């Protein structure tokens, strides 16, 4: 079995061979959860793949909400990525220092939301790159501003109103990328949350179930497909992915994309929104 859409994932070997290609741009999207006690920007400054620019998901976000790293307006996204030298005609490769794709998948999804489909995730991220002894640098590049044309693909985004309506209609499957304990409501959230549990009728698919734990790479196609089916998901039916803050949900979207399903949507507010309200129904267990 092979990936149907393999272009969304590149190997460290591929990136090493294309690092100096004129159309390739590398993005460090590292993001750490509260409690990890790590600073993504400081780590980027100390060590990153040559030529990589730092994409801060907390800054390239909607400043008008207290929810974490929500999608910005098309204008704000265009302005911010343009300053990073990312724009039309670029082949954008995103990685993060966690491996496990995590925030790299979020940035991959963001570019697709804003109409830029020539974007891929580095399989295994910086940890695999370092294990292989590949080059790094500690000096940030000085990018040239590049025009970015934003064309919003609203099919890839869901909000609270969509999820509430879907509880009644059941039109779309909902898959939750958080750990099983957080899904059941028995483990605490990394961020304070009024309520514990999950969106009614949603399915548990922890993002770690789609990753090779040792290599920190995506599972091969047959095992990835098996993990999705074992979670009770029918890949042929519409799907919305959710998680804690809309980051690891994008790993589900990436996995389904690789297997041929390009229009998996992400609930951007995720549990940070749903679990902190009193007017959203919740299931536990």
Foldseek 3Di string as FASTA:
>chain_A
DAFPCCLQEDELVVCLVCVPPPQEAEEEAADDFQPPPDDQVVVLLAKDAPRYDYDDLQQCAPPPDPAGSFHHPLVSNQVVVLQVQDAPRHQYEYAYPVLLCFQVLVVQLNCVQFPNNNYHYHFLGPVLCVVVVHDIDNDHDRHHGDGHRGDGDCLAEDEPVVLVVCVVVVQAAEEEQEDQCQQQFNDADSDDFQGGHAAPRHWYQHSVQQADVVSSGGDGLVSNVVSCVVRVDDLVGAYEYAYCAQGSSSSVQSSSVRNPRNRHHYHRRHCVPQRRDPPGDGHHD
